[in-house]
Amino acid sequence: MINNILKSTSHREYPLPKGPWIMMQEWEHLLFMHWPVSPHKLKPYLPPGLELDTYDGDAWISIIPFQVSNVRLRKIPPIPFFRPFLEINVRTYVKRNGVRGVYFFGLDANKLLAVLGARMATLPYFYSKMSMAKINGSFYYDSARSGRNSAIFQASYQPIGDPYYPEKKSLSSWLLERYFLWSYKYGALFRGGIHHRKWELQDARVNLKEQSLTSFLPSDLLETAPSLVHYATSKTALNWMIRKEGTDS
């Protein structure tokens, strides 16, 4: 299976990252909610060295809740009795030296070991109490992060229509086919690479009851319903080591 994933590269804009992958994850029941935002309002929230990537003049913010399962490190068997955990990430779309990717404003998970491990890898994870249930074809997702950086996410969502592959150069493809991520810690940029097969999507209907994951941004940036919503059943992803890049002024 992994060799087939590694051989499937025609949808990538750039070659696979150098060196071996280090971790495999299975992502399940992913909801992608996307909002267009004014670039000049979002730019101040990026770290030095990253440039906003835009589509037809708009920057974008996405909130993505999903379940993580079947996690294992390279050349190490799956951990017995490992339970799936839930995760939400908030990201925007950036580029550096011509390479496109994503920058995470924050990531929540309900497995403390995953949070601590990701923080060691420079990613801005938070521990949250989270639940997901499937009832009559709809998913109900709740997350509550406590403490100084408290945040809430409550939504229900349902896939609709037939699965499809986004057309190349479409907005959907531009948003989802991203294979590099950046983080910022210790005054420096770090970059990691990922790889998976091309996204197969469905359209989705979402009822976003409450979310304060983006409360650090101006309140008017995400005051409307998401402009674009996708659902994906699952994806097997390979992750490469996150390495320090340095910064540009």
Protein backbone atom coordinates (compact mmCIF):
# COMPACT_ATOMS: atom_id res chain seq x y z
CA MET A 1 0.00 0.00 0.00
CA ILE A 2 2.69 2.50 0.98
CA ASN A 3 4.71 1.86 -2.19
CA ASN A 4 1.60 2.55 -4.25
CA ILE A 5 1.07 5.83 -2.40
CA LEU A 6 4.68 6.85 -2.99
CA LYS A 7 4.36 6.08 -6.70
CA SER A 8 1.23 8.21 -7.02
CA THR A 9 2.77 11.65 -7.59
CA SER A 10 1.23 13.06 -10.80
CA HIS A 11 -1.09 15.34 -8.78
CA ARG A 12 1.82 16.95 -6.87
CA GLU A 13 3.20 20.34 -7.84
CA TYR A 14 6.61 19.47 -6.35
CA PRO A 15 8.70 16.29 -5.94
CA LEU A 16 8.46 14.17 -2.83
CA PRO A 17 10.41 15.49 0.17
CA LYS A 18 13.98 14.32 0.52
CA GLY A 19 14.76 11.43 2.80
CA PRO A 20 12.43 8.75 4.22
CA TRP A 21 8.97 9.37 5.58
CA ILE A 22 8.78 8.88 9.36
CA MET A 23 5.09 8.48 10.25
CA MET A 24 1.89 7.20 8.70
CA GLN A 25 -1.60 8.35 9.68
CA GLU A 26 -5.10 7.49 8.56
CA TRP A 27 -7.44 10.51 8.49
CA GLU A 28 -11.18 9.80 8.55
CA HIS A 29 -14.46 11.70 8.11
CA LEU A 30 -12.81 15.00 7.27
CA LEU A 31 -14.83 18.20 7.01
CA PHE A 32 -13.20 21.12 5.19
CA MET A 33 -14.74 24.56 5.81
CA HIS A 34 -13.21 27.42 3.82
CA TRP A 35 -13.56 31.20 4.13
CA PRO A 36 -12.10 33.85 1.79
CA VAL A 37 -10.48 36.73 3.66
CA SER A 38 -8.81 40.00 2.77
CA PRO A 39 -5.04 39.45 2.45
CA HIS A 40 -4.14 42.73 4.15
CA LYS A 41 -6.20 41.74 7.22
CA LEU A 42 -4.56 38.31 7.50
CA LYS A 43 -0.96 39.20 6.64
CA PRO A 44 -0.07 40.60 10.12
CA TYR A 45 -0.72 37.17 11.64
CA LEU A 46 1.94 35.39 9.60
CA PRO A 47 5.45 34.86 10.95
CA PRO A 48 8.41 36.41 9.14
CA GLY A 49 9.58 34.47 6.11
CA LEU A 50 6.14 33.39 4.87
CA GLU A 51 4.02 35.04 2.17
CA LEU A 52 0.26 34.65 1.85
CA ASP A 53 -0.81 32.55 -1.10
CA THR A 54 -3.97 33.85 -2.78
CA TYR A 55 -6.54 32.62 -5.29
CA ASP A 56 -8.09 35.29 -7.51
CA GLY A 57 -6.90 37.91 -5.03
CA ASP A 58 -8.32 36.27 -1.88
CA ALA A 59 -6.49 34.70 1.01
CA TRP A 60 -8.25 31.75 2.65
CA ILE A 61 -8.72 30.29 6.12
CA SER A 62 -9.88 26.70 6.64
CA ILE A 63 -11.14 24.82 9.71
CA ILE A 64 -10.87 21.04 9.41
CA PRO A 65 -12.22 18.56 12.01
CA PHE A 66 -11.52 14.85 11.53
CA GLN A 67 -10.51 11.60 13.20
CA VAL A 68 -6.97 10.17 13.25
CA SER A 69 -6.44 6.40 13.36
CA ASN A 70 -3.88 3.74 12.44
CA VAL A 71 -0.87 5.85 13.44
CA ARG A 72 2.53 4.22 13.21
CA LEU A 73 6.16 5.16 12.88
CA ARG A 74 8.31 3.94 9.99
CA LYS A 75 9.62 0.37 10.43
CA ILE A 76 7.70 0.03 13.71
CA PRO A 77 4.52 -2.10 13.88
CA PRO A 78 1.24 -0.40 14.82
CA ILE A 79 0.86 0.20 18.55
CA PRO A 80 -1.45 -2.48 20.04
CA PHE A 81 -4.76 -1.18 21.42
CA PHE A 82 -4.04 2.29 20.03
CA ARG A 83 -7.30 4.21 20.00
CA PRO A 84 -8.22 6.73 17.32
CA PHE A 85 -8.27 10.34 18.40
CA LEU A 86 -9.92 13.51 17.18
CA GLU A 87 -8.25 16.57 15.74
CA ILE A 88 -9.17 20.00 14.41
CA ASN A 89 -6.78 22.29 12.58
CA VAL A 90 -7.05 25.94 11.60
CA ARG A 91 -4.84 26.88 8.69
CA THR A 92 -4.15 29.41 6.00
CA TYR A 93 -2.38 29.13 2.66
CA VAL A 94 1.16 30.38 2.23
CA LYS A 95 4.27 30.13 0.11
CA ARG A 96 7.98 30.50 0.64
CA ASN A 97 10.56 30.78 -2.12
CA GLY A 98 7.91 29.77 -4.63
CA VAL A 99 6.82 26.64 -2.73
CA ARG A 100 3.16 26.49 -1.72
CA GLY A 101 1.91 24.99 1.52
CA VAL A 102 -0.06 25.71 4.68
CA TYR A 103 0.57 27.51 7.94
CA PHE A 104 -1.26 26.31 11.05
CA PHE A 105 -2.65 28.90 13.45
CA GLY A 106 -3.61 26.13 15.84
CA LEU A 107 -4.40 22.42 16.14
CA ASP A 108 -6.54 20.71 18.77
CA ALA A 109 -6.50 17.02 19.68
CA ASN A 110 -7.99 14.92 22.47
CA LYS A 111 -4.97 12.66 22.98
CA LEU A 112 -2.43 14.22 25.33
CA LEU A 113 0.53 12.16 24.06
CA ALA A 114 -0.19 13.29 20.50
CA VAL A 115 -0.34 16.91 21.66
CA LEU A 116 2.94 16.70 23.56
CA GLY A 117 4.71 14.92 20.70
CA ALA A 118 3.49 17.45 18.14
CA ARG A 119 4.58 20.35 20.33
CA MET A 120 8.06 18.87 20.48
CA ALA A 121 7.96 18.91 16.68
CA THR A 122 7.15 22.69 16.83
CA LEU A 123 3.45 22.41 15.90
CA PRO A 124 1.01 24.61 17.92
CA TYR A 125 -1.19 21.87 19.38
CA PHE A 126 -3.68 22.21 22.25
CA TYR A 127 -5.35 19.53 24.33
CA SER A 128 -9.15 19.62 24.12
CA LYS A 129 -12.08 17.51 25.22
CA MET A 130 -13.66 16.30 22.00
CA SER A 131 -16.35 13.94 20.74
CA MET A 132 -17.66 12.79 17.38
CA ALA A 133 -20.77 10.72 16.69
CA LYS A 134 -22.46 9.55 13.50
CA ILE A 135 -26.26 9.55 13.61
CA ASN A 136 -28.46 8.87 10.56
CA GLY A 137 -25.70 9.78 8.13
CA SER A 138 -24.68 13.02 9.87
CA PHE A 139 -21.58 13.63 11.98
CA TYR A 140 -21.80 15.60 15.23
CA TYR A 141 -18.51 17.08 16.34
CA ASP A 142 -17.83 18.93 19.62
CA SER A 143 -14.58 20.33 21.00
CA ALA A 144 -13.85 22.37 24.13
CA ARG A 145 -10.40 23.70 24.92
CA SER A 146 -10.00 25.11 28.44
CA GLY A 147 -7.39 27.35 30.05
CA ARG A 148 -5.81 30.58 28.89
CA ASN A 149 -6.38 29.75 25.23
CA SER A 150 -9.92 28.42 25.64
CA ALA A 151 -11.89 27.72 22.45
CA ILE A 152 -15.08 25.94 21.42
CA PHE A 153 -16.13 24.20 18.23
CA GLN A 154 -19.58 22.68 17.71
CA ALA A 155 -20.90 21.57 14.33
CA SER A 156 -22.82 18.88 12.52
CA TYR A 157 -22.12 17.91 8.93
CA GLN A 158 -23.35 15.56 6.24
CA PRO A 159 -21.77 14.56 2.92
CA ILE A 160 -24.03 15.09 -0.10
CA GLY A 161 -23.77 14.12 -3.75
CA ASP A 162 -21.41 11.78 -5.51
CA PRO A 163 -17.63 11.64 -4.89
CA TYR A 164 -15.43 13.51 -7.36
CA TYR A 165 -11.84 14.54 -7.93
CA PRO A 166 -11.38 18.34 -8.10
CA GLU A 167 -10.19 19.68 -11.42
CA LYS A 168 -6.59 20.82 -11.51
CA LYS A 169 -6.24 24.59 -10.96
CA SER A 170 -9.76 24.77 -9.49
CA LEU A 171 -10.23 26.46 -6.11
CA SER A 172 -10.95 23.11 -4.46
CA SER A 173 -7.73 21.61 -5.79
CA TRP A 174 -5.77 24.74 -4.84
CA LEU A 175 -7.04 24.50 -1.25
CA LEU A 176 -6.57 20.78 -0.69
CA GLU A 177 -3.60 19.62 -2.72
CA ARG A 178 -1.01 21.02 -0.28
CA TYR A 179 2.06 18.98 0.61
CA PHE A 180 4.21 21.26 2.79
CA LEU A 181 3.50 22.80 6.17
CA TRP A 182 5.28 25.51 8.12
CA SER A 183 5.42 26.24 11.81
CA TYR A 184 7.15 29.02 13.73
CA LYS A 185 8.91 28.54 17.06
CA TYR A 186 12.03 29.77 18.83
CA GLY A 187 12.15 32.71 16.40
CA ALA A 188 12.60 30.43 13.38
CA LEU A 189 10.58 28.76 10.66
CA PHE A 190 10.27 24.99 10.42
CA ARG A 191 9.02 23.03 7.41
CA GLY A 192 7.58 19.55 7.09
CA GLY A 193 6.49 17.53 4.08
CA ILE A 194 3.56 15.17 3.62
CA HIS A 195 2.28 12.97 0.83
CA HIS A 196 -0.91 11.13 -0.04
CA ARG A 197 -2.98 10.27 -3.06
CA LYS A 198 -5.12 12.92 -4.72
CA TRP A 199 -8.16 14.00 -2.73
CA GLU A 200 -11.51 12.43 -3.57
CA LEU A 201 -14.26 14.69 -2.22
CA GLN A 202 -17.96 15.11 -1.75
CA ASP A 203 -19.81 18.33 -1.26
CA ALA A 204 -21.15 18.72 2.27
CA ARG A 205 -23.85 20.43 4.28
CA VAL A 206 -22.73 21.91 7.61
CA ASN A 207 -24.48 23.46 10.59
CA LEU A 208 -21.78 25.43 12.40
CA LYS A 209 -23.32 26.10 15.80
CA GLU A 210 -20.34 27.77 17.49
CA GLN A 211 -16.64 28.22 16.95
CA SER A 212 -14.06 30.37 18.72
CA LEU A 213 -10.94 28.69 17.33
CA THR A 214 -10.21 31.89 15.36
CA SER A 215 -10.89 34.34 18.20
CA PHE A 216 -7.33 35.71 17.86
CA LEU A 217 -8.32 37.17 14.47
CA PRO A 218 -10.53 40.24 13.85
CA SER A 219 -14.15 39.28 14.53
CA ASP A 220 -15.34 40.28 11.05
CA LEU A 221 -13.06 37.87 9.17
CA LEU A 222 -15.21 34.76 9.64
CA GLU A 223 -18.57 36.23 10.60
CA THR A 224 -20.44 34.48 7.76
CA ALA A 225 -20.99 30.82 6.94
CA PRO A 226 -18.13 29.12 5.09
CA SER A 227 -18.09 29.85 1.36
CA LEU A 228 -17.01 26.34 0.41
CA VAL A 229 -17.47 23.03 2.23
CA HIS A 230 -16.01 19.61 1.40
CA TYR A 231 -16.13 16.14 2.94
CA ALA A 232 -13.64 13.29 2.49
CA THR A 233 -14.19 9.77 3.81
CA SER A 234 -10.55 8.93 4.50
CA LYS A 235 -6.95 9.47 3.48
CA THR A 236 -3.71 7.66 4.29
CA ALA A 237 -0.94 10.23 4.72
CA LEU A 238 2.84 9.92 5.06
CA ASN A 239 4.71 12.51 7.10
CA TRP A 240 8.35 13.58 6.85
CA MET A 241 10.55 15.07 9.56
CA ILE A 242 9.91 18.73 10.39
CA ARG A 243 13.19 20.63 9.99
CA LYS A 244 14.37 24.13 10.75
CA GLU A 245 14.45 26.48 7.78
CA GLY A 246 15.42 29.86 9.28
CA THR A 247 13.62 33.11 8.47
CA ASP A 248 13.71 35.93 5.95
CA SER A 249 12.99 39.47 6.96
